[in-house]
Each structure stands twice: as structure tokens, then as C-alpha cells.
Amino acid sequence: MLTFSNNVEPANGFLVRYLRRKLLESDTDVNANKEELLRVLDWVPKLWYHLHTFLEKHSTSDFLIGPCFFLSCPIGIEDFRTWFIDLWNNSIIPYLQEGAKDGLKVPRAAWHVGTQASGAWGHADVAV
């Protein structure tokens, strides 16, 4: 079994390629809302990237979000709205909440402010 990080190819561009292929293979008449549909299909991978980045910063490595959440994306604007609202409310938000809670349990490196600051000229320019 091969595993890939979501931040690098081939996983990074997988969702874009998958949704574009799904659009090409669909029987949906996309000409009516082609621009809006293309905008939505370009937005979904960007959203995935932002969610993944959020979980990287605020959770453990066990809670990274993969593209599988978005593979069932329908090709059609009205279907997309219904699908996305359901996905967001019932899958993504609970997953993000659980990931953030899990991240709070992990001890982080201590962060402290130094008691003396040096400026560019070698003496204390700023009082801390």
C-alpha cells in the first residue's frame, strides 16, 4: 500500500483531476451553467486544501482530511448546493470539531516570551 501526503503530488492534484474527469464523463447539460459549475468545481479542491491546512495546524496527524469527503460531489449546481450543505453540516464540521478537540490533548512545545529583547543595533530597543 502506498500512502501520499495530501500536500504533494499525486494526491495534491487528485481532486481537481477527479472532478474534471467526472464533469467530462457526466451526462449533465453543463452549457446552461457552465461558468458557475466550473467555478464550483475549482472551489472544492481549494476548500479541501484550507480544511487540510486547518487540521494540520490544530490537530494531530491522525485527523488530516483526505479528498474522499468530496468524491461524491455531484455535477450540477442545484444538486451541489444540497449535497454540500449536507456534507458541511453532517460530516465536515463534526470532523473538524473532533480534530480540534484531539489537537488540544496533544502537549505542545512551551511558548514563552523572552525577558530581554535586542534590536538591530545590539541593545535593547524594545521593553518586553
N, C-alpha and C. Protein backbone atom coordinates (compact mmCIF):
# COMPACT_ATOMS: atom_id res chain seq x y z
N MET A 1 0.84 -1.17 0.00
CA MET A 1 0.00 0.00 0.00
C MET A 1 0.89 1.24 0.00
N LEU A 2 0.59 2.15 -0.88
CA LEU A 2 1.30 3.42 -0.94
C LEU A 2 0.48 4.50 -0.26
N THR A 3 1.13 5.34 0.48
CA THR A 3 0.43 6.49 1.06
C THR A 3 1.11 7.75 0.58
N PHE A 4 0.32 8.76 0.35
CA PHE A 4 0.82 10.04 -0.13
C PHE A 4 0.32 11.14 0.79
N SER A 5 1.15 12.11 1.02
CA SER A 5 0.72 13.28 1.76
C SER A 5 -0.25 14.07 0.89
N ASN A 6 -1.23 14.68 1.52
CA ASN A 6 -2.21 15.47 0.76
C ASN A 6 -1.62 16.75 0.20
N ASN A 7 -0.41 17.11 0.64
CA ASN A 7 0.20 18.37 0.22
C ASN A 7 1.04 18.26 -1.04
N VAL A 8 1.33 17.06 -1.49
CA VAL A 8 2.22 16.89 -2.63
C VAL A 8 1.54 16.02 -3.69
N GLU A 9 2.05 16.11 -4.91
CA GLU A 9 1.54 15.26 -5.98
C GLU A 9 1.91 13.81 -5.68
N PRO A 10 1.10 12.87 -6.08
CA PRO A 10 -0.10 12.99 -6.90
C PRO A 10 -1.37 13.31 -6.12
N ALA A 11 -1.33 13.24 -4.79
CA ALA A 11 -2.54 13.46 -4.01
C ALA A 11 -3.03 14.90 -4.10
N ASN A 12 -2.11 15.85 -4.14
CA ASN A 12 -2.46 17.27 -4.15
C ASN A 12 -3.41 17.62 -5.30
N GLY A 13 -3.12 17.15 -6.49
CA GLY A 13 -3.95 17.48 -7.65
C GLY A 13 -5.01 16.45 -7.97
N PHE A 14 -5.11 15.41 -7.15
CA PHE A 14 -6.05 14.33 -7.44
C PHE A 14 -7.49 14.82 -7.52
N LEU A 15 -7.93 15.60 -6.55
CA LEU A 15 -9.33 16.02 -6.51
C LEU A 15 -9.68 16.88 -7.71
N VAL A 16 -8.79 17.77 -8.11
CA VAL A 16 -9.03 18.59 -9.31
C VAL A 16 -9.21 17.69 -10.52
N ARG A 17 -8.27 16.76 -10.70
CA ARG A 17 -8.33 15.86 -11.86
C ARG A 17 -9.58 15.00 -11.81
N TYR A 18 -9.93 14.50 -10.64
CA TYR A 18 -11.10 13.64 -10.49
C TYR A 18 -12.39 14.38 -10.84
N LEU A 19 -12.55 15.59 -10.32
CA LEU A 19 -13.78 16.35 -10.59
C LEU A 19 -13.88 16.77 -12.05
N ARG A 20 -12.76 17.13 -12.66
CA ARG A 20 -12.77 17.48 -14.09
C ARG A 20 -13.16 16.27 -14.94
N ARG A 21 -12.60 15.11 -14.60
CA ARG A 21 -12.95 13.90 -15.35
C ARG A 21 -14.42 13.56 -15.14
N LYS A 22 -14.90 13.71 -13.92
CA LYS A 22 -16.30 13.44 -13.62
C LYS A 22 -17.21 14.35 -14.45
N LEU A 23 -16.82 15.60 -14.60
CA LEU A 23 -17.57 16.54 -15.42
C LEU A 23 -17.59 16.09 -16.88
N LEU A 24 -16.44 15.71 -17.41
CA LEU A 24 -16.36 15.27 -18.80
C LEU A 24 -17.17 14.02 -19.06
N GLU A 25 -17.22 13.12 -18.08
CA GLU A 25 -17.94 11.86 -18.25
C GLU A 25 -19.42 11.96 -17.92
N SER A 26 -19.85 13.08 -17.38
CA SER A 26 -21.25 13.20 -16.96
C SER A 26 -22.16 13.44 -18.15
N ASP A 27 -23.41 13.07 -17.95
CA ASP A 27 -24.43 13.30 -18.97
C ASP A 27 -25.15 14.63 -18.73
N THR A 28 -24.72 15.35 -17.74
CA THR A 28 -25.35 16.62 -17.37
C THR A 28 -25.11 17.66 -18.45
N ASP A 29 -26.17 18.41 -18.77
CA ASP A 29 -26.03 19.52 -19.71
C ASP A 29 -25.42 20.69 -18.94
N VAL A 30 -24.13 20.86 -19.11
CA VAL A 30 -23.43 21.89 -18.34
C VAL A 30 -23.40 23.24 -19.04
N ASN A 31 -23.85 23.31 -20.27
CA ASN A 31 -23.77 24.56 -21.01
C ASN A 31 -24.59 25.67 -20.37
N ALA A 32 -25.71 25.31 -19.74
CA ALA A 32 -26.57 26.33 -19.14
C ALA A 32 -25.86 27.07 -18.01
N ASN A 33 -25.16 26.36 -17.17
CA ASN A 33 -24.48 26.97 -16.02
C ASN A 33 -22.99 26.65 -16.03
N LYS A 34 -22.40 26.60 -17.20
CA LYS A 34 -21.02 26.12 -17.32
C LYS A 34 -20.04 26.92 -16.47
N GLU A 35 -20.10 28.23 -16.54
CA GLU A 35 -19.15 29.07 -15.79
C GLU A 35 -19.30 28.86 -14.28
N GLU A 36 -20.55 28.85 -13.82
CA GLU A 36 -20.79 28.67 -12.39
C GLU A 36 -20.35 27.28 -11.94
N LEU A 37 -20.63 26.27 -12.76
CA LEU A 37 -20.24 24.91 -12.42
C LEU A 37 -18.72 24.76 -12.38
N LEU A 38 -18.03 25.34 -13.34
CA LEU A 38 -16.56 25.29 -13.34
C LEU A 38 -15.99 26.01 -12.13
N ARG A 39 -16.60 27.11 -11.75
CA ARG A 39 -16.15 27.86 -10.57
C ARG A 39 -16.31 27.00 -9.31
N VAL A 40 -17.44 26.30 -9.22
CA VAL A 40 -17.69 25.42 -8.07
C VAL A 40 -16.69 24.27 -8.05
N LEU A 41 -16.45 23.66 -9.21
CA LEU A 41 -15.54 22.52 -9.27
C LEU A 41 -14.09 22.94 -9.01
N ASP A 42 -13.76 24.18 -9.27
CA ASP A 42 -12.43 24.69 -8.92
C ASP A 42 -12.35 25.06 -7.44
N TRP A 43 -13.49 25.46 -6.87
CA TRP A 43 -13.53 25.87 -5.47
C TRP A 43 -13.41 24.70 -4.51
N VAL A 44 -13.99 23.57 -4.85
CA VAL A 44 -14.00 22.40 -3.95
C VAL A 44 -12.57 21.99 -3.55
N PRO A 45 -11.63 21.82 -4.50
CA PRO A 45 -10.27 21.48 -4.08
C PRO A 45 -9.59 22.56 -3.24
N LYS A 46 -9.92 23.82 -3.49
CA LYS A 46 -9.36 24.90 -2.68
C LYS A 46 -9.87 24.81 -1.24
N LEU A 47 -11.16 24.52 -1.11
CA LEU A 47 -11.74 24.33 0.22
C LEU A 47 -11.05 23.17 0.92
N TRP A 48 -10.87 22.06 0.21
CA TRP A 48 -10.20 20.90 0.79
C TRP A 48 -8.81 21.28 1.30
N TYR A 49 -8.08 22.04 0.53
CA TYR A 49 -6.74 22.46 0.94
C TYR A 49 -6.80 23.28 2.24
N HIS A 50 -7.76 24.20 2.33
CA HIS A 50 -7.88 25.03 3.53
C HIS A 50 -8.28 24.19 4.76
N LEU A 51 -9.18 23.24 4.55
CA LEU A 51 -9.56 22.36 5.66
C LEU A 51 -8.38 21.51 6.11
N HIS A 52 -7.65 21.00 5.15
CA HIS A 52 -6.47 20.19 5.45
C HIS A 52 -5.44 21.02 6.22
N THR A 53 -5.22 22.25 5.79
CA THR A 53 -4.28 23.14 6.45
C THR A 53 -4.72 23.44 7.89
N PHE A 54 -6.02 23.68 8.08
CA PHE A 54 -6.56 23.91 9.42
C PHE A 54 -6.26 22.73 10.33
N LEU A 55 -6.52 21.52 9.83
CA LEU A 55 -6.29 20.33 10.66
C LEU A 55 -4.81 20.09 10.91
N GLU A 56 -3.97 20.42 9.95
CA GLU A 56 -2.52 20.29 10.17
C GLU A 56 -2.07 21.17 11.33
N LYS A 57 -2.64 22.36 11.43
CA LYS A 57 -2.23 23.31 12.46
C LYS A 57 -2.87 23.04 13.81
N HIS A 58 -4.08 22.51 13.82
CA HIS A 58 -4.84 22.44 15.06
C HIS A 58 -5.18 21.03 15.52
N SER A 59 -4.59 20.03 14.91
CA SER A 59 -4.92 18.67 15.28
C SER A 59 -3.68 17.80 15.21
N THR A 60 -3.89 16.51 15.35
CA THR A 60 -2.79 15.56 15.23
C THR A 60 -2.76 15.03 13.80
N SER A 61 -1.74 14.30 13.47
CA SER A 61 -1.62 13.76 12.11
C SER A 61 -2.69 12.72 11.82
N ASP A 62 -3.36 12.21 12.84
CA ASP A 62 -4.44 11.24 12.63
C ASP A 62 -5.70 11.88 12.08
N PHE A 63 -5.83 13.16 12.15
CA PHE A 63 -7.05 13.84 11.77
C PHE A 63 -6.93 14.64 10.48
N LEU A 64 -6.04 14.31 9.61
CA LEU A 64 -5.97 15.02 8.34
C LEU A 64 -7.13 14.60 7.47
N ILE A 65 -7.60 15.52 6.67
CA ILE A 65 -8.77 15.27 5.84
C ILE A 65 -8.32 14.94 4.42
N GLY A 66 -8.83 13.86 3.91
CA GLY A 66 -8.46 13.44 2.56
C GLY A 66 -9.51 13.85 1.55
N PRO A 67 -9.25 13.63 0.28
CA PRO A 67 -10.20 14.02 -0.76
C PRO A 67 -11.46 13.17 -0.78
N CYS A 68 -11.47 12.06 -0.04
CA CYS A 68 -12.62 11.15 -0.08
C CYS A 68 -13.92 11.84 0.34
N PHE A 69 -13.84 12.86 1.17
CA PHE A 69 -15.04 13.61 1.56
C PHE A 69 -15.75 14.20 0.35
N PHE A 70 -15.00 14.51 -0.70
CA PHE A 70 -15.53 15.29 -1.82
C PHE A 70 -15.73 14.48 -3.10
N LEU A 71 -15.45 13.19 -3.07
CA LEU A 71 -15.56 12.39 -4.29
C LEU A 71 -17.00 12.21 -4.75
N SER A 72 -17.94 12.32 -3.85
CA SER A 72 -19.34 12.17 -4.23
C SER A 72 -19.96 13.48 -4.72
N CYS A 73 -19.15 14.48 -4.96
CA CYS A 73 -19.63 15.79 -5.43
C CYS A 73 -20.43 15.61 -6.72
N PRO A 74 -21.68 16.06 -6.72
CA PRO A 74 -22.49 15.92 -7.93
C PRO A 74 -22.10 16.96 -8.98
N ILE A 75 -22.39 16.65 -10.21
CA ILE A 75 -22.14 17.56 -11.31
C ILE A 75 -23.47 18.22 -11.65
N GLY A 76 -23.70 19.35 -11.10
CA GLY A 76 -24.94 20.10 -11.27
C GLY A 76 -25.06 21.08 -10.11
N ILE A 77 -25.37 22.32 -10.41
CA ILE A 77 -25.38 23.38 -9.40
C ILE A 77 -26.41 23.13 -8.30
N GLU A 78 -27.64 22.84 -8.66
CA GLU A 78 -28.67 22.63 -7.64
C GLU A 78 -28.37 21.42 -6.79
N ASP A 79 -27.93 20.33 -7.42
CA ASP A 79 -27.55 19.13 -6.66
C ASP A 79 -26.36 19.43 -5.76
N PHE A 80 -25.44 20.24 -6.26
CA PHE A 80 -24.25 20.58 -5.47
C PHE A 80 -24.63 21.30 -4.19
N ARG A 81 -25.51 22.27 -4.28
CA ARG A 81 -25.89 23.05 -3.09
C ARG A 81 -26.43 22.15 -1.99
N THR A 82 -27.36 21.28 -2.36
CA THR A 82 -27.95 20.36 -1.39
C THR A 82 -26.90 19.41 -0.82
N TRP A 83 -26.09 18.85 -1.71
CA TRP A 83 -25.03 17.93 -1.29
C TRP A 83 -24.04 18.62 -0.36
N PHE A 84 -23.62 19.82 -0.72
CA PHE A 84 -22.60 20.50 0.08
C PHE A 84 -23.11 20.89 1.45
N ILE A 85 -24.31 21.40 1.55
CA ILE A 85 -24.88 21.77 2.85
C ILE A 85 -24.94 20.55 3.76
N ASP A 86 -25.38 19.43 3.21
CA ASP A 86 -25.43 18.19 3.99
C ASP A 86 -24.03 17.74 4.40
N LEU A 87 -23.10 17.75 3.46
CA LEU A 87 -21.72 17.35 3.75
C LEU A 87 -21.10 18.26 4.82
N TRP A 88 -21.28 19.56 4.66
CA TRP A 88 -20.69 20.52 5.59
C TRP A 88 -21.24 20.34 7.01
N ASN A 89 -22.57 20.29 7.12
CA ASN A 89 -23.20 20.23 8.44
C ASN A 89 -23.06 18.88 9.13
N ASN A 90 -23.10 17.81 8.36
CA ASN A 90 -23.15 16.48 8.96
C ASN A 90 -21.83 15.72 8.94
N SER A 91 -20.87 16.15 8.14
CA SER A 91 -19.60 15.43 8.06
C SER A 91 -18.40 16.31 8.37
N ILE A 92 -18.28 17.43 7.67
CA ILE A 92 -17.07 18.23 7.79
C ILE A 92 -16.98 18.94 9.14
N ILE A 93 -18.03 19.64 9.54
CA ILE A 93 -17.99 20.37 10.81
C ILE A 93 -17.75 19.41 11.99
N PRO A 94 -18.49 18.30 12.10
CA PRO A 94 -18.18 17.37 13.20
C PRO A 94 -16.74 16.84 13.15
N TYR A 95 -16.23 16.60 11.96
CA TYR A 95 -14.86 16.10 11.82
C TYR A 95 -13.84 17.15 12.26
N LEU A 96 -14.07 18.41 11.86
CA LEU A 96 -13.17 19.49 12.28
C LEU A 96 -13.21 19.69 13.79
N GLN A 97 -14.40 19.62 14.37
CA GLN A 97 -14.53 19.77 15.81
C GLN A 97 -13.79 18.66 16.55
N GLU A 98 -13.95 17.44 16.07
CA GLU A 98 -13.27 16.31 16.70
C GLU A 98 -11.76 16.43 16.55
N GLY A 99 -11.32 16.86 15.38
CA GLY A 99 -9.89 17.05 15.15
C GLY A 99 -9.31 18.13 16.04
N ALA A 100 -10.03 19.23 16.20
CA ALA A 100 -9.55 20.31 17.06
C ALA A 100 -9.51 19.86 18.52
N LYS A 101 -10.52 19.11 18.96
CA LYS A 101 -10.51 18.58 20.33
C LYS A 101 -9.33 17.65 20.54
N ASP A 102 -9.07 16.81 19.55
CA ASP A 102 -7.94 15.89 19.63
C ASP A 102 -6.62 16.65 19.71
N GLY A 103 -6.53 17.74 18.97
CA GLY A 103 -5.32 18.55 18.99
C GLY A 103 -5.07 19.21 20.33
N LEU A 104 -6.13 19.50 21.08
CA LEU A 104 -5.97 20.11 22.40
C LEU A 104 -5.36 19.13 23.41
N LYS A 105 -5.52 17.84 23.16
CA LYS A 105 -4.99 16.83 24.07
C LYS A 105 -3.49 16.62 23.91
N VAL A 106 -2.95 17.04 22.78
CA VAL A 106 -1.54 16.80 22.48
C VAL A 106 -0.69 17.89 23.13
N PRO A 107 0.30 17.50 23.93
CA PRO A 107 1.17 18.52 24.52
C PRO A 107 2.00 19.20 23.43
N ARG A 108 2.04 20.47 23.48
CA ARG A 108 2.80 21.26 22.50
C ARG A 108 4.06 21.78 23.18
N ALA A 109 4.99 22.20 22.37
CA ALA A 109 6.20 22.82 22.92
C ALA A 109 5.81 24.10 23.65
N ALA A 110 6.45 24.34 24.75
CA ALA A 110 6.14 25.54 25.53
C ALA A 110 6.53 26.78 24.74
N TRP A 111 5.68 27.76 24.79
CA TRP A 111 5.95 29.03 24.12
C TRP A 111 6.10 30.08 25.19
N HIS A 112 7.18 30.77 25.19
CA HIS A 112 7.37 31.80 26.20
C HIS A 112 8.00 33.03 25.56
N VAL A 113 7.74 34.14 26.19
CA VAL A 113 8.28 35.41 25.73
C VAL A 113 9.57 35.66 26.50
N GLY A 114 10.60 36.03 25.77
CA GLY A 114 11.87 36.35 26.43
C GLY A 114 11.74 37.59 27.30
N THR A 115 12.63 37.71 28.25
CA THR A 115 12.57 38.87 29.16
C THR A 115 13.40 40.03 28.66
N GLN A 116 14.22 39.78 27.65
CA GLN A 116 15.05 40.86 27.13
C GLN A 116 15.03 40.77 25.61
N ALA A 117 14.85 41.88 24.97
CA ALA A 117 14.83 41.90 23.51
C ALA A 117 15.99 42.73 23.00
N SER A 118 16.61 42.30 21.94
CA SER A 118 17.69 43.08 21.33
C SER A 118 17.23 43.55 19.97
N GLY A 119 17.56 44.78 19.67
CA GLY A 119 17.22 45.32 18.37
C GLY A 119 18.34 45.08 17.38
N ALA A 120 18.21 45.68 16.25
CA ALA A 120 19.19 45.51 15.17
C ALA A 120 20.54 46.08 15.54
N TRP A 121 20.60 47.00 16.51
CA TRP A 121 21.85 47.65 16.88
C TRP A 121 22.52 47.02 18.09
N GLY A 122 22.02 45.87 18.57
CA GLY A 122 22.67 45.16 19.65
C GLY A 122 22.27 45.57 21.05
N HIS A 123 21.42 46.56 21.20
CA HIS A 123 20.97 46.93 22.54
C HIS A 123 19.46 46.77 22.62
N ALA A 124 18.94 46.85 23.79
CA ALA A 124 17.51 46.65 23.98
C ALA A 124 16.74 47.84 23.42
N ASP A 125 16.05 47.61 22.30
CA ASP A 125 15.22 48.65 21.70
C ASP A 125 13.78 48.58 22.20
N VAL A 126 13.39 47.39 22.60
CA VAL A 126 12.00 47.17 22.96
C VAL A 126 11.94 46.62 24.37
N ALA A 127 11.11 47.20 25.18
CA ALA A 127 10.90 46.67 26.52
C ALA A 127 9.82 45.61 26.44
N VAL A 128 10.08 44.46 27.00
CA VAL A 128 9.11 43.37 26.97
C VAL A 128 8.49 43.22 28.33
